[in-house]
Amino acid sequence: MKLPITDEHLLRYLNGELEAAEIATLKSQLADSNELNQRLEELRVIQTYLKQSNQLETPGANFTDTVMAGLERIKTENISARRGLILLIGSIVASGIALGLISLGVFDSSTSLLIESPVKNKLLNMPEISIPFNTKVLINGILFLNLGLLFMLLDRTILKPLFQNRATAG
C-alpha cells in the first residue's frame, strides 16, 4: 500500500522515530521512487550540515538588561537650532513665492496629462489616456503640506527650546 510520504515522514525516518511497519512501507516506496530517494538524500545533507554547524550561542542571562541599558544611552539627534531656522526661513520664502504665483493666476489653467503607449504598432491600437487635473489644486496641496512642515519646524527649533529654557531657568 502506497502512502503519501512527506518531508516530515522522511525527517522522522532520519531521526529514527518511525515504527517498524512505517519503516518497511517507506523502504518499499524508496525502492520504487527515484524522486523520493533524491529528497531523502537532500534532507540528509541538510540535517548533517545543521548538526555540524551548530554554532548558535545562547545569550547570557543579563543580555536583555544590557541591550535596554544601551538603548537609553543612545541620544536621538535633533535638528540644531541653526539648521532648523535656516529650513524655516527657506520654507517661508518658498511658500511666499508660491502664494505670489497663485495670486498672479499662474496656476489657474487646467492641463491634462497625456499617457501614450511606448510602442507604436499598427496591429495593436492602444488608446491614448488623458488625465485632466487642475494645477492650482496640486499647488494648494503642496502649500498645505509645506505649512504643516513650517509649524513642525517652528515648534522644534524655536518654541520647544524656548519653553525648555524657561522651565529650567524658573
C-alpha atoms as a PDB file:
ATOM      1  CA  MET A   1       0.000   0.000   0.000  1.00  0.00           C
ATOM      2  CA  LYS A   2       1.433   3.362  -1.064  1.00  0.00           C
ATOM      3  CA  LEU A   3       1.109   6.190   1.406  1.00  0.00           C
ATOM      4  CA  PRO A   4       1.874   9.813   0.605  1.00  0.00           C
ATOM      5  CA  ILE A   5       5.340  10.385   2.026  1.00  0.00           C
ATOM      6  CA  THR A   6       6.002  13.908   3.269  1.00  0.00           C
ATOM      7  CA  ASP A   7       9.191  15.613   4.396  1.00  0.00           C
ATOM      8  CA  GLU A   8       8.019  15.043   7.956  1.00  0.00           C
ATOM      9  CA  HIS A   9       7.999  11.267   7.403  1.00  0.00           C
ATOM     10  CA  LEU A  10      11.456  11.412   5.875  1.00  0.00           C
ATOM     11  CA  LEU A  11      12.821  13.510   8.748  1.00  0.00           C
ATOM     12  CA  ARG A  12      11.293  11.166  11.300  1.00  0.00           C
ATOM     13  CA  TYR A  13      12.974   8.282   9.426  1.00  0.00           C
ATOM     14  CA  LEU A  14      16.339  10.075   9.541  1.00  0.00           C
ATOM     15  CA  ASN A  15      15.899  10.715  13.280  1.00  0.00           C
ATOM     16  CA  GLY A  16      14.912   7.073  13.924  1.00  0.00           C
ATOM     17  CA  GLU A  17      11.442   7.967  15.169  1.00  0.00           C
ATOM     18  CA  LEU A  18       9.403   5.667  12.882  1.00  0.00           C
ATOM     19  CA  GLU A  19       7.904   2.326  13.897  1.00  0.00           C
ATOM     20  CA  ALA A  20       8.918  -0.904  12.139  1.00  0.00           C
ATOM     21  CA  ALA A  21       5.800  -1.038   9.935  1.00  0.00           C
ATOM     22  CA  GLU A  22       6.310   2.563   8.818  1.00  0.00           C
ATOM     23  CA  ILE A  23       9.986   1.889   8.073  1.00  0.00           C
ATOM     24  CA  ALA A  24       9.078  -1.132   5.925  1.00  0.00           C
ATOM     25  CA  THR A  25       6.485   0.892   3.972  1.00  0.00           C
ATOM     26  CA  LEU A  26       8.923   3.764   3.493  1.00  0.00           C
ATOM     27  CA  LYS A  27      11.734   1.475   2.306  1.00  0.00           C
ATOM     28  CA  SER A  28       9.466  -0.186  -0.250  1.00  0.00           C
ATOM     29  CA  GLN A  29       8.436   3.216  -1.588  1.00  0.00           C
ATOM     30  CA  LEU A  30      12.065   4.355  -1.638  1.00  0.00           C
ATOM     31  CA  ALA A  31      12.917   1.332  -3.790  1.00  0.00           C
ATOM     32  CA  ASP A  32      10.254   2.351  -6.325  1.00  0.00           C
ATOM     33  CA  SER A  33      10.855   6.121  -6.479  1.00  0.00           C
ATOM     34  CA  ASN A  34      13.999   7.946  -7.531  1.00  0.00           C
ATOM     35  CA  GLU A  35      12.425  11.304  -6.596  1.00  0.00           C
ATOM     36  CA  LEU A  36      11.763  10.118  -3.059  1.00  0.00           C
ATOM     37  CA  ASN A  37      15.349   8.845  -2.764  1.00  0.00           C
ATOM     38  CA  GLN A  38      16.645  12.192  -4.010  1.00  0.00           C
ATOM     39  CA  ARG A  39      14.519  14.107  -1.497  1.00  0.00           C
ATOM     40  CA  LEU A  40      15.672  11.835   1.333  1.00  0.00           C
ATOM     41  CA  GLU A  41      19.291  12.458   0.371  1.00  0.00           C
ATOM     42  CA  GLU A  42      18.685  16.243   0.251  1.00  0.00           C
ATOM     43  CA  LEU A  43      17.167  16.176   3.729  1.00  0.00           C
ATOM     44  CA  ARG A  44      20.041  14.010   4.984  1.00  0.00           C
ATOM     45  CA  VAL A  45      22.593  16.535   3.661  1.00  0.00           C
ATOM     46  CA  ILE A  46      20.691  19.446   5.216  1.00  0.00           C
ATOM     47  CA  GLN A  47      20.364  17.654   8.545  1.00  0.00           C
ATOM     48  CA  THR A  48      24.081  16.745   8.557  1.00  0.00           C
ATOM     49  CA  TYR A  49      25.061  20.335   7.790  1.00  0.00           C
ATOM     50  CA  LEU A  50      22.840  21.712  10.527  1.00  0.00           C
ATOM     51  CA  LYS A  51      24.228  19.265  13.077  1.00  0.00           C
ATOM     52  CA  GLN A  52      27.825  20.101  12.128  1.00  0.00           C
ATOM     53  CA  SER A  53      27.352  23.868  12.102  1.00  0.00           C
ATOM     54  CA  ASN A  54      25.608  24.081  15.451  1.00  0.00           C
ATOM     55  CA  GLN A  55      27.266  27.378  16.275  1.00  0.00           C
ATOM     56  CA  LEU A  56      24.264  29.178  17.693  1.00  0.00           C
ATOM     57  CA  GLU A  57      25.072  30.705  21.012  1.00  0.00           C
ATOM     58  CA  THR A  58      22.589  31.311  23.744  1.00  0.00           C
ATOM     59  CA  PRO A  59      22.693  34.847  25.090  1.00  0.00           C
ATOM     60  CA  GLY A  60      23.767  35.486  28.637  1.00  0.00           C
ATOM     61  CA  ALA A  61      21.340  35.953  31.496  1.00  0.00           C
ATOM     62  CA  ASN A  62      21.715  39.736  31.504  1.00  0.00           C
ATOM     63  CA  PHE A  63      21.624  40.171  27.706  1.00  0.00           C
ATOM     64  CA  THR A  64      18.238  41.922  27.660  1.00  0.00           C
ATOM     65  CA  ASP A  65      19.223  44.265  30.503  1.00  0.00           C
ATOM     66  CA  THR A  66      22.455  45.171  28.717  1.00  0.00           C
ATOM     67  CA  VAL A  67      20.681  45.931  25.451  1.00  0.00           C
ATOM     68  CA  MET A  68      17.990  48.012  27.156  1.00  0.00           C
ATOM     69  CA  ALA A  69      20.613  49.994  29.091  1.00  0.00           C
ATOM     70  CA  GLY A  70      22.457  50.637  25.843  1.00  0.00           C
ATOM     71  CA  LEU A  71      19.304  51.957  24.217  1.00  0.00           C
ATOM     72  CA  GLU A  72      18.831  54.514  26.971  1.00  0.00           C
ATOM     73  CA  ARG A  73      22.325  55.889  26.362  1.00  0.00           C
ATOM     74  CA  ILE A  74      21.691  56.493  22.661  1.00  0.00           C
ATOM     75  CA  LYS A  75      20.638  60.054  22.034  1.00  0.00           C
ATOM     76  CA  THR A  76      18.381  60.844  19.133  1.00  0.00           C
ATOM     77  CA  GLU A  77      19.791  63.579  17.006  1.00  0.00           C
ATOM     78  CA  ASN A  78      17.539  66.621  16.804  1.00  0.00           C
ATOM     79  CA  ILE A  79      17.667  69.367  14.259  1.00  0.00           C
ATOM     80  CA  SER A  80      20.018  72.019  15.525  1.00  0.00           C
ATOM     81  CA  ALA A  81      18.503  75.444  16.115  1.00  0.00           C
ATOM     82  CA  ARG A  82      20.613  76.999  13.378  1.00  0.00           C
ATOM     83  CA  ARG A  83      19.714  74.397  10.746  1.00  0.00           C
ATOM     84  CA  GLY A  84      16.080  74.468  11.779  1.00  0.00           C
ATOM     85  CA  LEU A  85      15.972  78.237  11.489  1.00  0.00           C
ATOM     86  CA  ILE A  86      17.528  78.061   8.011  1.00  0.00           C
ATOM     87  CA  LEU A  87      14.945  75.449   6.984  1.00  0.00           C
ATOM     88  CA  LEU A  88      12.164  77.581   8.449  1.00  0.00           C
ATOM     89  CA  ILE A  89      13.275  80.702   6.575  1.00  0.00           C
ATOM     90  CA  GLY A  90      13.703  78.752   3.319  1.00  0.00           C
ATOM     91  CA  SER A  91      10.259  77.218   3.629  1.00  0.00           C
ATOM     92  CA  ILE A  92       8.700  80.606   4.358  1.00  0.00           C
ATOM     93  CA  VAL A  93      10.388  82.084   1.258  1.00  0.00           C
ATOM     94  CA  ALA A  94       9.255  79.153  -0.919  1.00  0.00           C
ATOM     95  CA  SER A  95       5.703  79.466   0.412  1.00  0.00           C
ATOM     96  CA  GLY A  96       5.725  83.202  -0.243  1.00  0.00           C
ATOM     97  CA  ILE A  97       6.854  82.678  -3.836  1.00  0.00           C
ATOM     98  CA  ALA A  98       4.191  80.011  -4.394  1.00  0.00           C
ATOM     99  CA  LEU A  99       1.468  82.226  -2.882  1.00  0.00           C
ATOM    100  CA  GLY A 100       2.607  85.121  -5.094  1.00  0.00           C
ATOM    101  CA  LEU A 101       2.409  82.937  -8.195  1.00  0.00           C
ATOM    102  CA  ILE A 102      -1.051  81.717  -7.176  1.00  0.00           C
ATOM    103  CA  SER A 103      -2.280  85.287  -6.672  1.00  0.00           C
ATOM    104  CA  LEU A 104      -0.993  86.194 -10.153  1.00  0.00           C
ATOM    105  CA  GLY A 105      -3.064  83.340 -11.615  1.00  0.00           C
ATOM    106  CA  VAL A 106      -0.155  81.324 -12.961  1.00  0.00           C
ATOM    107  CA  PHE A 107      -1.747  78.023 -11.917  1.00  0.00           C
ATOM    108  CA  ASP A 108      -5.353  78.780 -12.925  1.00  0.00           C
ATOM    109  CA  SER A 109      -5.322  76.736 -16.117  1.00  0.00           C
ATOM    110  CA  SER A 110      -6.376  73.121 -16.259  1.00  0.00           C
ATOM    111  CA  THR A 111      -3.999  70.824 -18.001  1.00  0.00           C
ATOM    112  CA  SER A 112      -4.100  67.187 -18.871  1.00  0.00           C
ATOM    113  CA  LEU A 113      -1.530  64.502 -18.518  1.00  0.00           C
ATOM    114  CA  LEU A 114      -1.301  62.530 -21.759  1.00  0.00           C
ATOM    115  CA  ILE A 115      -0.178  58.929 -21.451  1.00  0.00           C
ATOM    116  CA  GLU A 116       0.886  57.414 -24.749  1.00  0.00           C
ATOM    117  CA  SER A 117       1.754  53.814 -25.458  1.00  0.00           C
ATOM    118  CA  PRO A 118       5.526  53.301 -25.513  1.00  0.00           C
ATOM    119  CA  VAL A 119       5.455  51.311 -28.766  1.00  0.00           C
ATOM    120  CA  LYS A 120       3.514  52.329 -31.853  1.00  0.00           C
ATOM    121  CA  ASN A 121       2.092  49.298 -33.614  1.00  0.00           C
ATOM    122  CA  LYS A 122      -0.430  49.037 -36.435  1.00  0.00           C
ATOM    123  CA  LEU A 123      -1.706  45.659 -35.239  1.00  0.00           C
ATOM    124  CA  LEU A 124      -2.323  46.709 -31.678  1.00  0.00           C
ATOM    125  CA  ASN A 125      -4.083  50.006 -31.174  1.00  0.00           C
ATOM    126  CA  MET A 126      -3.809  51.244 -27.621  1.00  0.00           C
ATOM    127  CA  PRO A 127      -5.990  54.233 -26.768  1.00  0.00           C
ATOM    128  CA  GLU A 128      -4.249  57.341 -25.542  1.00  0.00           C
ATOM    129  CA  ILE A 129      -5.185  58.095 -21.985  1.00  0.00           C
ATOM    130  CA  SER A 130      -5.724  61.703 -20.982  1.00  0.00           C
ATOM    131  CA  ILE A 131      -5.987  62.511 -17.296  1.00  0.00           C
ATOM    132  CA  PRO A 132      -7.200  66.072 -16.634  1.00  0.00           C
ATOM    133  CA  PHE A 133      -6.045  67.758 -13.446  1.00  0.00           C
ATOM    134  CA  ASN A 134      -6.044  71.260 -12.078  1.00  0.00           C
ATOM    135  CA  THR A 135      -2.564  72.540 -11.263  1.00  0.00           C
ATOM    136  CA  LYS A 136      -3.998  75.016  -8.763  1.00  0.00           C
ATOM    137  CA  VAL A 137      -5.292  72.136  -6.631  1.00  0.00           C
ATOM    138  CA  LEU A 138      -1.869  70.468  -6.824  1.00  0.00           C
ATOM    139  CA  ILE A 139      -0.039  73.632  -5.752  1.00  0.00           C
ATOM    140  CA  ASN A 140      -2.533  74.252  -2.935  1.00  0.00           C
ATOM    141  CA  GLY A 141      -1.916  70.719  -1.669  1.00  0.00           C
ATOM    142  CA  ILE A 142       1.835  71.265  -1.740  1.00  0.00           C
ATOM    143  CA  LEU A 143       1.415  74.547   0.134  1.00  0.00           C
ATOM    144  CA  PHE A 144      -0.775  72.859   2.733  1.00  0.00           C
ATOM    145  CA  LEU A 145       1.895  70.210   3.350  1.00  0.00           C
ATOM    146  CA  ASN A 146       4.529  72.956   3.470  1.00  0.00           C
ATOM    147  CA  LEU A 147       2.550  74.810   6.141  1.00  0.00           C
ATOM    148  CA  GLY A 148       2.441  71.629   8.242  1.00  0.00           C
ATOM    149  CA  LEU A 149       6.225  71.338   7.865  1.00  0.00           C
ATOM    150  CA  LEU A 150       6.606  75.005   8.829  1.00  0.00           C
ATOM    151  CA  PHE A 151       4.624  74.548  12.040  1.00  0.00           C
ATOM    152  CA  MET A 152       6.638  71.463  12.928  1.00  0.00           C
ATOM    153  CA  LEU A 153       9.920  73.281  12.295  1.00  0.00           C
ATOM    154  CA  LEU A 154       8.713  76.292  14.276  1.00  0.00           C
ATOM    155  CA  ASP A 155       7.816  74.045  17.192  1.00  0.00           C
ATOM    156  CA  ARG A 156      11.058  72.051  17.178  1.00  0.00           C
ATOM    157  CA  THR A 157      13.551  74.827  16.502  1.00  0.00           C
ATOM    158  CA  ILE A 158      12.122  77.852  18.285  1.00  0.00           C
ATOM    159  CA  LEU A 159       9.214  77.106  20.610  1.00  0.00           C
ATOM    160  CA  LYS A 160      10.401  73.855  22.220  1.00  0.00           C
ATOM    161  CA  PRO A 161      13.909  75.138  23.125  1.00  0.00           C
ATOM    162  CA  LEU A 162      12.399  78.432  24.316  1.00  0.00           C
ATOM    163  CA  PHE A 163       9.973  76.744  26.700  1.00  0.00           C
ATOM    164  CA  GLN A 164      12.576  74.208  27.846  1.00  0.00           C
ATOM    165  CA  ASN A 165      14.952  77.061  28.731  1.00  0.00           C
ATOM    166  CA  ARG A 166      12.190  78.855  30.643  1.00  0.00           C
ATOM    167  CA  ALA A 167      11.285  75.679  32.545  1.00  0.00           C
ATOM    168  CA  THR A 168      14.890  75.021  33.595  1.00  0.00           C
ATOM    169  CA  ALA A 169      15.556  78.693  34.467  1.00  0.00           C
ATOM    170  CA  GLY A 170      12.360  79.114  36.510  1.00  0.00           C
END
